[in-house]
């Protein structure tokens, strides 16, 4: 699953993520370093240190792996991160129907 942010809301999304991380006394640089240490820089779980810039450009589309990394490192629920990043959990049953069994 890939979540595609709307570039028009990229700056708002970057600020929301920054604020959420700050509430845990974390910076994006720390999150990036922790994801590299925990999962490896070449892992699909790696979170780039350029994330805010990519959000603002509308070029970052986090994978489910990366959302999981946000959850694990920040201590917030996966469902909360999915919501913040624009995934409506009400869509999950509809998406399940579309997936081959």
PDB file of N, CA and C in Angstrom:
ATOM      1  N   UNK A   1       0.852  -1.163   0.000  1.00  0.00           N
ATOM      2  CA  UNK A   1       0.000   0.000   0.000  1.00  0.00           C
ATOM      3  C   UNK A   1       0.897   1.224   0.000  1.00  0.00           C
ATOM      4  N   UNK A   2       0.557   2.173  -0.776  1.00  0.00           N
ATOM      5  CA  UNK A   2       1.302   3.415  -0.845  1.00  0.00           C
ATOM      6  C   UNK A   2       0.329   4.563  -0.620  1.00  0.00           C
ATOM      7  N   UNK A   3       0.749   5.527   0.168  1.00  0.00           N
ATOM      8  CA  UNK A   3      -0.087   6.667   0.494  1.00  0.00           C
ATOM      9  C   UNK A   3       0.470   7.863  -0.244  1.00  0.00           C
ATOM     10  N   UNK A   4      -0.343   8.518  -1.049  1.00  0.00           N
ATOM     11  CA  UNK A   4       0.133   9.634  -1.851  1.00  0.00           C
ATOM     12  C   UNK A   4      -0.382  10.950  -1.311  1.00  0.00           C
ATOM     13  N   UNK A   5       0.507  11.750  -0.742  1.00  0.00           N
ATOM     14  CA  UNK A   5       0.048  13.041  -0.242  1.00  0.00           C
ATOM     15  C   UNK A   5      -0.236  14.007  -1.387  1.00  0.00           C
ATOM     16  N   UNK A   6      -1.209  14.856  -1.190  1.00  0.00           N
ATOM     17  CA  UNK A   6      -1.532  15.904  -2.138  1.00  0.00           C
ATOM     18  C   UNK A   6      -0.477  16.997  -1.959  1.00  0.00           C
ATOM     19  N   UNK A   7       0.166  17.407  -3.049  1.00  0.00           N
ATOM     20  CA  UNK A   7       1.235  18.402  -2.935  1.00  0.00           C
ATOM     21  C   UNK A   7       0.746  19.717  -2.354  1.00  0.00           C
ATOM     22  N   UNK A   8      -0.544  20.023  -2.533  1.00  0.00           N
ATOM     23  CA  UNK A   8      -1.102  21.262  -1.990  1.00  0.00           C
ATOM     24  C   UNK A   8      -1.098  21.246  -0.469  1.00  0.00           C
ATOM     25  N   UNK A   9      -1.162  20.080   0.126  1.00  0.00           N
ATOM     26  CA  UNK A   9      -1.160  20.007   1.590  1.00  0.00           C
ATOM     27  C   UNK A   9       0.179  19.537   2.147  1.00  0.00           C
ATOM     28  N   UNK A  10       1.185  19.471   1.292  1.00  0.00           N
ATOM     29  CA  UNK A  10       2.497  18.982   1.703  1.00  0.00           C
ATOM     30  C   UNK A  10       3.132  19.766   2.841  1.00  0.00           C
ATOM     31  N   UNK A  11       3.043  21.089   2.794  1.00  0.00           N
ATOM     32  CA  UNK A  11       3.635  21.906   3.853  1.00  0.00           C
ATOM     33  C   UNK A  11       2.919  21.667   5.180  1.00  0.00           C
ATOM     34  N   UNK A  12       1.596  21.553   5.123  1.00  0.00           N
ATOM     35  CA  UNK A  12       0.819  21.272   6.331  1.00  0.00           C
ATOM     36  C   UNK A  12       1.181  19.902   6.890  1.00  0.00           C
ATOM     37  N   UNK A  13       1.318  18.929   6.016  1.00  0.00           N
ATOM     38  CA  UNK A  13       1.677  17.581   6.444  1.00  0.00           C
ATOM     39  C   UNK A  13       3.061  17.563   7.090  1.00  0.00           C
ATOM     40  N   UNK A  14       4.012  18.249   6.485  1.00  0.00           N
ATOM     41  CA  UNK A  14       5.359  18.327   7.047  1.00  0.00           C
ATOM     42  C   UNK A  14       5.315  18.921   8.456  1.00  0.00           C
ATOM     43  N   UNK A  15       4.523  19.972   8.637  1.00  0.00           N
ATOM     44  CA  UNK A  15       4.418  20.614   9.951  1.00  0.00           C
ATOM     45  C   UNK A  15       3.735  19.692  10.960  1.00  0.00           C
ATOM     46  N   UNK A  16       2.712  18.975  10.532  1.00  0.00           N
ATOM     47  CA  UNK A  16       2.026  18.042  11.438  1.00  0.00           C
ATOM     48  C   UNK A  16       2.970  16.932  11.902  1.00  0.00           C
ATOM     49  N   UNK A  17       3.729  16.378  10.966  1.00  0.00           N
ATOM     50  CA  UNK A  17       4.679  15.316  11.320  1.00  0.00           C
ATOM     51  C   UNK A  17       5.750  15.870  12.256  1.00  0.00           C
ATOM     52  N   UNK A  18       6.265  17.076  11.953  1.00  0.00           N
ATOM     53  CA  UNK A  18       7.271  17.702  12.818  1.00  0.00           C
ATOM     54  C   UNK A  18       6.725  17.880  14.228  1.00  0.00           C
ATOM     55  N   UNK A  19       5.490  18.342  14.328  1.00  0.00           N
ATOM     56  CA  UNK A  19       4.855  18.568  15.621  1.00  0.00           C
ATOM     57  C   UNK A  19       4.658  17.251  16.389  1.00  0.00           C
ATOM     58  N   UNK A  20       4.239  16.222  15.689  1.00  0.00           N
ATOM     59  CA  UNK A  20       4.053  14.909  16.327  1.00  0.00           C
ATOM     60  C   UNK A  20       5.375  14.379  16.852  1.00  0.00           C
ATOM     61  N   UNK A  21       6.402  14.470  16.044  1.00  0.00           N
ATOM     62  CA  UNK A  21       7.723  13.993  16.483  1.00  0.00           C
ATOM     63  C   UNK A  21       8.236  14.829  17.656  1.00  0.00           C
ATOM     64  N   UNK A  22       8.007  16.130  17.596  1.00  0.00           N
ATOM     65  CA  UNK A  22       8.450  17.011  18.683  1.00  0.00           C
ATOM     66  C   UNK A  22       7.761  16.657  19.993  1.00  0.00           C
ATOM     67  N   UNK A  23       6.522  16.178  19.919  1.00  0.00           N
ATOM     68  CA  UNK A  23       5.806  15.797  21.142  1.00  0.00           C
ATOM     69  C   UNK A  23       6.486  14.623  21.840  1.00  0.00           C
ATOM     70  N   UNK A  24       7.286  13.870  21.095  1.00  0.00           N
ATOM     71  CA  UNK A  24       8.067  12.763  21.666  1.00  0.00           C
ATOM     72  C   UNK A  24       9.538  13.147  21.818  1.00  0.00           C
ATOM     73  N   UNK A  25       9.808  14.443  21.656  1.00  0.00           N
ATOM     74  CA  UNK A  25      11.164  14.975  21.724  1.00  0.00           C
ATOM     75  C   UNK A  25      12.094  14.305  20.701  1.00  0.00           C
ATOM     76  N   UNK A  26      11.553  14.131  19.511  1.00  0.00           N
ATOM     77  CA  UNK A  26      12.312  13.547  18.407  1.00  0.00           C
ATOM     78  C   UNK A  26      12.397  14.545  17.260  1.00  0.00           C
ATOM     79  N   UNK A  27      13.501  14.501  16.537  1.00  0.00           N
ATOM     80  CA  UNK A  27      13.652  15.297  15.327  1.00  0.00           C
ATOM     81  C   UNK A  27      13.636  14.342  14.131  1.00  0.00           C
ATOM     82  N   UNK A  28      13.446  14.897  12.956  1.00  0.00           N
ATOM     83  CA  UNK A  28      13.478  14.068  11.762  1.00  0.00           C
ATOM     84  C   UNK A  28      14.855  13.434  11.591  1.00  0.00           C
ATOM     85  N   UNK A  29      15.893  14.171  11.904  1.00  0.00           N
ATOM     86  CA  UNK A  29      17.236  13.621  11.810  1.00  0.00           C
ATOM     87  C   UNK A  29      17.381  12.387  12.711  1.00  0.00           C
ATOM     88  N   UNK A  30      16.872  12.479  13.925  1.00  0.00           N
ATOM     89  CA  UNK A  30      16.930  11.333  14.839  1.00  0.00           C
ATOM     90  C   UNK A  30      16.114  10.155  14.310  1.00  0.00           C
ATOM     91  N   UNK A  31      14.924  10.445  13.793  1.00  0.00           N
ATOM     92  CA  UNK A  31      14.065   9.387  13.244  1.00  0.00           C
ATOM     93  C   UNK A  31      14.777   8.690  12.082  1.00  0.00           C
ATOM     94  N   UNK A  32      15.403   9.462  11.227  1.00  0.00           N
ATOM     95  CA  UNK A  32      16.125   8.895  10.090  1.00  0.00           C
ATOM     96  C   UNK A  32      17.278   8.007  10.579  1.00  0.00           C
ATOM     97  N   UNK A  33      18.046   8.509  11.539  1.00  0.00           N
ATOM     98  CA  UNK A  33      19.169   7.734  12.081  1.00  0.00           C
ATOM     99  C   UNK A  33      18.687   6.470  12.791  1.00  0.00           C
ATOM    100  N   UNK A  34      17.605   6.586  13.545  1.00  0.00           N
ATOM    101  CA  UNK A  34      17.068   5.421  14.248  1.00  0.00           C
ATOM    102  C   UNK A  34      16.516   4.386  13.274  1.00  0.00           C
ATOM    103  N   UNK A  35      15.874   4.837  12.209  1.00  0.00           N
ATOM    104  CA  UNK A  35      15.363   3.884  11.222  1.00  0.00           C
ATOM    105  C   UNK A  35      16.520   3.177  10.522  1.00  0.00           C
ATOM    106  N   UNK A  36      17.600   3.904  10.251  1.00  0.00           N
ATOM    107  CA  UNK A  36      18.780   3.285   9.632  1.00  0.00           C
ATOM    108  C   UNK A  36      19.410   2.271  10.578  1.00  0.00           C
ATOM    109  N   UNK A  37      19.522   2.625  11.856  1.00  0.00           N
ATOM    110  CA  UNK A  37      20.133   1.718  12.832  1.00  0.00           C
ATOM    111  C   UNK A  37      19.267   0.477  13.062  1.00  0.00           C
ATOM    112  N   UNK A  38      17.964   0.676  13.144  1.00  0.00           N
ATOM    113  CA  UNK A  38      17.062  -0.429  13.464  1.00  0.00           C
ATOM    114  C   UNK A  38      16.799  -1.342  12.271  1.00  0.00           C
ATOM    115  N   UNK A  39      16.614  -0.738  11.083  1.00  0.00           N
ATOM    116  CA  UNK A  39      16.181  -1.515   9.924  1.00  0.00           C
ATOM    117  C   UNK A  39      17.212  -1.590   8.799  1.00  0.00           C
ATOM    118  N   UNK A  40      18.171  -0.676   8.799  1.00  0.00           N
ATOM    119  CA  UNK A  40      19.152  -0.617   7.714  1.00  0.00           C
ATOM    120  C   UNK A  40      18.793   0.450   6.701  1.00  0.00           C
ATOM    121  N   UNK A  41      19.804   1.136   6.198  1.00  0.00           N
ATOM    122  CA  UNK A  41      19.593   2.241   5.265  1.00  0.00           C
ATOM    123  C   UNK A  41      18.991   1.771   3.939  1.00  0.00           C
ATOM    124  N   UNK A  42      19.261   0.547   3.545  1.00  0.00           N
ATOM    125  CA  UNK A  42      18.724   0.044   2.275  1.00  0.00           C
ATOM    126  C   UNK A  42      17.389  -0.688   2.459  1.00  0.00           C
ATOM    127  N   UNK A  43      16.886  -0.680   3.680  1.00  0.00           N
ATOM    128  CA  UNK A  43      15.622  -1.341   4.007  1.00  0.00           C
ATOM    129  C   UNK A  43      14.435  -0.520   3.526  1.00  0.00           C
ATOM    130  N   UNK A  44      13.313  -1.176   3.217  1.00  0.00           N
ATOM    131  CA  UNK A  44      12.113  -0.410   2.863  1.00  0.00           C
ATOM    132  C   UNK A  44      11.540   0.374   4.051  1.00  0.00           C
ATOM    133  N   UNK A  45      12.032   0.106   5.267  1.00  0.00           N
ATOM    134  CA  UNK A  45      11.577   0.791   6.480  1.00  0.00           C
ATOM    135  C   UNK A  45      12.334   2.101   6.723  1.00  0.00           C
ATOM    136  N   UNK A  46      13.419   2.317   5.989  1.00  0.00           N
ATOM    137  CA  UNK A  46      14.252   3.506   6.201  1.00  0.00           C
ATOM    138  C   UNK A  46      13.470   4.782   5.919  1.00  0.00           C
ATOM    139  N   UNK A  47      13.608   5.760   6.809  1.00  0.00           N
ATOM    140  CA  UNK A  47      12.972   7.074   6.656  1.00  0.00           C
ATOM    141  C   UNK A  47      14.050   8.107   6.315  1.00  0.00           C
ATOM    142  N   UNK A  48      13.961   8.735   5.158  1.00  0.00           N
ATOM    143  CA  UNK A  48      14.992   9.680   4.734  1.00  0.00           C
ATOM    144  C   UNK A  48      14.984  10.969   5.554  1.00  0.00           C
ATOM    145  N   UNK A  49      16.165  11.541   5.720  1.00  0.00           N
ATOM    146  CA  UNK A  49      16.271  12.796   6.476  1.00  0.00           C
ATOM    147  C   UNK A  49      15.715  13.983   5.683  1.00  0.00           C
ATOM    148  N   UNK A  50      15.406  13.773   4.419  1.00  0.00           N
ATOM    149  CA  UNK A  50      14.865  14.830   3.556  1.00  0.00           C
ATOM    150  C   UNK A  50      13.334  14.793   3.497  1.00  0.00           C
ATOM    151  N   UNK A  51      12.738  14.083   4.410  1.00  0.00           N
ATOM    152  CA  UNK A  51      11.299  13.842   4.400  1.00  0.00           C
ATOM    153  C   UNK A  51      10.462  15.120   4.345  1.00  0.00           C
ATOM    154  N   UNK A  52      10.754  16.119   5.177  1.00  0.00           N
ATOM    155  CA  UNK A  52       9.942  17.335   5.193  1.00  0.00           C
ATOM    156  C   UNK A  52       9.975  18.031   3.830  1.00  0.00           C
ATOM    157  N   UNK A  53      11.167  18.104   3.270  1.00  0.00           N
ATOM    158  CA  UNK A  53      11.319  18.720   1.953  1.00  0.00           C
ATOM    159  C   UNK A  53      10.498  17.958   0.914  1.00  0.00           C
ATOM    160  N   UNK A  54      10.562  16.632   0.971  1.00  0.00           N
ATOM    161  CA  UNK A  54       9.812  15.810   0.020  1.00  0.00           C
ATOM    162  C   UNK A  54       8.302  15.943   0.233  1.00  0.00           C
ATOM    163  N   UNK A  55       7.859  16.077   1.479  1.00  0.00           N
ATOM    164  CA  UNK A  55       6.439  16.323   1.736  1.00  0.00           C
ATOM    165  C   UNK A  55       6.013  17.624   1.077  1.00  0.00           C
ATOM    166  N   UNK A  56       6.824  18.678   1.272  1.00  0.00           N
ATOM    167  CA  UNK A  56       6.479  19.988   0.725  1.00  0.00           C
ATOM    168  C   UNK A  56       6.409  19.965  -0.795  1.00  0.00           C
ATOM    169  N   UNK A  57       7.291  19.170  -1.414  1.00  0.00           N
ATOM    170  CA  UNK A  57       7.274  19.043  -2.874  1.00  0.00           C
ATOM    171  C   UNK A  57       6.155  18.136  -3.369  1.00  0.00           C
ATOM    172  N   UNK A  58       5.608  17.341  -2.454  1.00  0.00           N
ATOM    173  CA  UNK A  58       4.588  16.368  -2.837  1.00  0.00           C
ATOM    174  C   UNK A  58       5.181  15.148  -3.502  1.00  0.00           C
ATOM    175  N   UNK A  59       6.475  14.904  -3.292  1.00  0.00           N
ATOM    176  CA  UNK A  59       7.144  13.777  -3.953  1.00  0.00           C
ATOM    177  C   UNK A  59       7.295  12.555  -3.061  1.00  0.00           C
ATOM    178  N   UNK A  60       6.981  12.674  -1.781  1.00  0.00           N
ATOM    179  CA  UNK A  60       7.154  11.540  -0.872  1.00  0.00           C
ATOM    180  C   UNK A  60       5.852  10.782  -0.737  1.00  0.00           C
ATOM    181  N   UNK A  61       5.898   9.523  -1.023  1.00  0.00           N
ATOM    182  CA  UNK A  61       4.748   8.643  -0.889  1.00  0.00           C
ATOM    183  C   UNK A  61       5.188   7.491   0.018  1.00  0.00           C
ATOM    184  N   UNK A  62       4.957   7.617   1.329  1.00  0.00           N
ATOM    185  CA  UNK A  62       5.477   6.604   2.253  1.00  0.00           C
ATOM    186  C   UNK A  62       4.853   5.235   2.018  1.00  0.00           C
ATOM    187  N   UNK A  63       5.689   4.233   2.099  1.00  0.00           N
ATOM    188  CA  UNK A  63       5.207   2.863   2.001  1.00  0.00           C
ATOM    189  C   UNK A  63       4.647   2.446   3.355  1.00  0.00           C
ATOM    190  N   UNK A  64       3.937   1.354   3.371  1.00  0.00           N
ATOM    191  CA  UNK A  64       3.428   0.821   4.630  1.00  0.00           C
ATOM    192  C   UNK A  64       4.586   0.496   5.569  1.00  0.00           C
ATOM    193  N   UNK A  65       5.714   0.065   4.994  1.00  0.00           N
ATOM    194  CA  UNK A  65       6.917  -0.212   5.792  1.00  0.00           C
ATOM    195  C   UNK A  65       7.379   1.038   6.534  1.00  0.00           C
ATOM    196  N   UNK A  66       7.403   2.157   5.825  1.00  0.00           N
ATOM    197  CA  UNK A  66       7.866   3.403   6.430  1.00  0.00           C
ATOM    198  C   UNK A  66       6.885   3.919   7.477  1.00  0.00           C
ATOM    199  N   UNK A  67       5.601   3.734   7.243  1.00  0.00           N
ATOM    200  CA  UNK A  67       4.612   4.130   8.241  1.00  0.00           C
ATOM    201  C   UNK A  67       4.798   3.274   9.493  1.00  0.00           C
ATOM    202  N   UNK A  68       5.079   1.988   9.301  1.00  0.00           N
ATOM    203  CA  UNK A  68       5.361   1.095  10.422  1.00  0.00           C
ATOM    204  C   UNK A  68       6.594   1.586  11.192  1.00  0.00           C
ATOM    205  N   UNK A  69       7.623   2.014  10.471  1.00  0.00           N
ATOM    206  CA  UNK A  69       8.833   2.531  11.123  1.00  0.00           C
ATOM    207  C   UNK A  69       8.507   3.769  11.961  1.00  0.00           C
ATOM    208  N   UNK A  70       7.709   4.684  11.412  1.00  0.00           N
ATOM    209  CA  UNK A  70       7.269   5.850  12.191  1.00  0.00           C
ATOM    210  C   UNK A  70       6.611   5.383  13.491  1.00  0.00           C
ATOM    211  N   UNK A  71       5.739   4.408  13.381  1.00  0.00           N
ATOM    212  CA  UNK A  71       5.007   3.898  14.540  1.00  0.00           C
ATOM    213  C   UNK A  71       5.949   3.298  15.575  1.00  0.00           C
ATOM    214  N   UNK A  72       6.839   2.436  15.121  1.00  0.00           N
ATOM    215  CA  UNK A  72       7.751   1.759  16.034  1.00  0.00           C
ATOM    216  C   UNK A  72       8.693   2.728  16.736  1.00  0.00           C
ATOM    217  N   UNK A  73       9.204   3.688  16.007  1.00  0.00           N
ATOM    218  CA  UNK A  73      10.186   4.611  16.579  1.00  0.00           C
ATOM    219  C   UNK A  73       9.525   5.667  17.465  1.00  0.00           C
ATOM    220  N   UNK A  74       8.362   6.159  17.057  1.00  0.00           N
ATOM    221  CA  UNK A  74       7.711   7.225  17.823  1.00  0.00           C
ATOM    222  C   UNK A  74       6.877   6.707  18.986  1.00  0.00           C
ATOM    223  N   UNK A  75       6.438   5.450  18.896  1.00  0.00           N
ATOM    224  CA  UNK A  75       5.582   4.902  19.943  1.00  0.00           C
ATOM    225  C   UNK A  75       4.104   5.188  19.738  1.00  0.00           C
ATOM    226  N   UNK A  76       3.757   5.856  18.631  1.00  0.00           N
ATOM    227  CA  UNK A  76       2.351   6.086  18.311  1.00  0.00           C
ATOM    228  C   UNK A  76       1.820   4.914  17.490  1.00  0.00           C
ATOM    229  N   UNK A  77       0.520   4.681  17.561  1.00  0.00           N
ATOM    230  CA  UNK A  77      -0.100   3.559  16.863  1.00  0.00           C
ATOM    231  C   UNK A  77       0.042   3.697  15.346  1.00  0.00           C
ATOM    232  N   UNK A  78       0.148   2.537  14.696  1.00  0.00           N
ATOM    233  CA  UNK A  78       0.201   2.496  13.237  1.00  0.00           C
ATOM    234  C   UNK A  78      -1.042   3.158  12.646  1.00  0.00           C
ATOM    235  N   UNK A  79      -2.198   2.881  13.206  1.00  0.00           N
ATOM    236  CA  UNK A  79      -3.445   3.470  12.686  1.00  0.00           C
ATOM    237  C   UNK A  79      -3.429   5.000  12.796  1.00  0.00           C
ATOM    238  N   UNK A  80      -2.813   5.526  13.849  1.00  0.00           N
ATOM    239  CA  UNK A  80      -2.720   6.981  13.988  1.00  0.00           C
ATOM    240  C   UNK A  80      -1.837   7.574  12.893  1.00  0.00           C
ATOM    241  N   UNK A  81      -0.698   6.930  12.623  1.00  0.00           N
ATOM    242  CA  UNK A  81       0.193   7.418  11.569  1.00  0.00           C
ATOM    243  C   UNK A  81      -0.475   7.314  10.198  1.00  0.00           C
ATOM    244  N   UNK A  82      -1.199   6.230   9.966  1.00  0.00           N
ATOM    245  CA  UNK A  82      -1.906   6.095   8.693  1.00  0.00           C
ATOM    246  C   UNK A  82      -2.882   7.248   8.502  1.00  0.00           C
ATOM    247  N   UNK A  83      -3.594   7.584   9.558  1.00  0.00           N
ATOM    248  CA  UNK A  83      -4.559   8.688   9.498  1.00  0.00           C
ATOM    249  C   UNK A  83      -3.845  10.009   9.227  1.00  0.00           C
ATOM    250  N   UNK A  84      -2.754  10.276   9.942  1.00  0.00           N
ATOM    251  CA  UNK A  84      -1.999  11.521   9.760  1.00  0.00           C
ATOM    252  C   UNK A  84      -1.512  11.654   8.314  1.00  0.00           C
ATOM    253  N   UNK A  85      -1.079  10.529   7.745  1.00  0.00           N
ATOM    254  CA  UNK A  85      -0.512  10.543   6.397  1.00  0.00           C
ATOM    255  C   UNK A  85      -1.560  10.442   5.292  1.00  0.00           C
ATOM    256  N   UNK A  86      -2.826  10.450   5.690  1.00  0.00           N
ATOM    257  CA  UNK A  86      -3.882  10.553   4.696  1.00  0.00           C
ATOM    258  C   UNK A  86      -4.551   9.274   4.266  1.00  0.00           C
ATOM    259  N   UNK A  87      -4.327   8.191   4.981  1.00  0.00           N
ATOM    260  CA  UNK A  87      -4.984   6.936   4.642  1.00  0.00           C
ATOM    261  C   UNK A  87      -6.237   6.784   5.490  1.00  0.00           C
ATOM    262  N   UNK A  88      -7.377   6.679   4.834  1.00  0.00           N
ATOM    263  CA  UNK A  88      -8.640   6.494   5.536  1.00  0.00           C
ATOM    264  C   UNK A  88      -8.814   5.007   5.821  1.00  0.00           C
ATOM    265  N   UNK A  89      -8.825   4.646   7.082  1.00  0.00           N
ATOM    266  CA  UNK A  89      -8.923   3.237   7.460  1.00  0.00           C
ATOM    267  C   UNK A  89     -10.251   2.619   7.045  1.00  0.00           C
ATOM    268  N   UNK A  90     -11.236   3.439   6.762  1.00  0.00           N
ATOM    269  CA  UNK A  90     -12.517   2.929   6.267  1.00  0.00           C
ATOM    270  C   UNK A  90     -12.365   2.331   4.870  1.00  0.00           C
ATOM    271  N   UNK A  91     -11.279   2.704   4.167  1.00  0.00           N
ATOM    272  CA  UNK A  91     -11.040   2.182   2.819  1.00  0.00           C
ATOM    273  C   UNK A  91     -10.439   0.777   2.816  1.00  0.00           C
ATOM    274  N   UNK A  92      -9.922   0.326   3.942  1.00  0.00           N
ATOM    275  CA  UNK A  92      -9.227  -0.956   3.996  1.00  0.00           C
ATOM    276  C   UNK A  92     -10.097  -2.120   3.523  1.00  0.00           C
ATOM    277  N   UNK A  93     -11.330  -2.289   4.005  1.00  0.00           N
ATOM    278  CA  UNK A  93     -12.148  -3.408   3.505  1.00  0.00           C
ATOM    279  C   UNK A  93     -12.369  -3.352   1.991  1.00  0.00           C
ATOM    280  N   UNK A  94     -12.563  -2.153   1.462  1.00  0.00           N
ATOM    281  CA  UNK A  94     -12.747  -2.000   0.011  1.00  0.00           C
ATOM    282  C   UNK A  94     -11.480  -2.410  -0.733  1.00  0.00           C
ATOM    283  N   UNK A  95     -10.307  -2.042  -0.189  1.00  0.00           N
ATOM    284  CA  UNK A  95      -9.042  -2.406  -0.824  1.00  0.00           C
ATOM    285  C   UNK A  95      -8.805  -3.914  -0.742  1.00  0.00           C
ATOM    286  N   UNK A  96      -9.210  -4.531   0.355  1.00  0.00           N
ATOM    287  CA  UNK A  96      -9.045  -5.978   0.498  1.00  0.00           C
ATOM    288  C   UNK A  96      -9.801  -6.732  -0.593  1.00  0.00           C
ATOM    289  N   UNK A  97     -10.958  -6.245  -0.946  1.00  0.00           N
ATOM    290  CA  UNK A  97     -11.748  -6.879  -1.997  1.00  0.00           C
ATOM    291  C   UNK A  97     -11.022  -6.818  -3.338  1.00  0.00           C
ATOM    292  N   UNK A  98     -10.259  -5.756  -3.561  1.00  0.00           N
ATOM    293  CA  UNK A  98      -9.557  -5.569  -4.823  1.00  0.00           C
ATOM    294  C   UNK A  98      -8.287  -6.399  -4.936  1.00  0.00           C
ATOM    295  N   UNK A  99      -7.755  -6.853  -3.810  1.00  0.00           N
ATOM    296  CA  UNK A  99      -6.516  -7.623  -3.824  1.00  0.00           C
ATOM    297  C   UNK A  99      -6.789  -9.067  -4.220  1.00  0.00           C
ATOM    298  N   UNK A 100      -5.893  -9.639  -5.052  1.00  0.00           N
ATOM    299  CA  UNK A 100      -6.074 -11.060  -5.366  1.00  0.00           C
ATOM    300  C   UNK A 100      -5.829 -11.913  -4.125  1.00  0.00           C
ATOM    301  N   UNK A 101      -6.543 -13.015  -4.030  1.00  0.00           N
ATOM    302  CA  UNK A 101      -6.421 -13.845  -2.815  1.00  0.00           C
ATOM    303  C   UNK A 101      -5.194 -14.711  -2.815  1.00  0.00           C
TER     304      UNK A 101
END
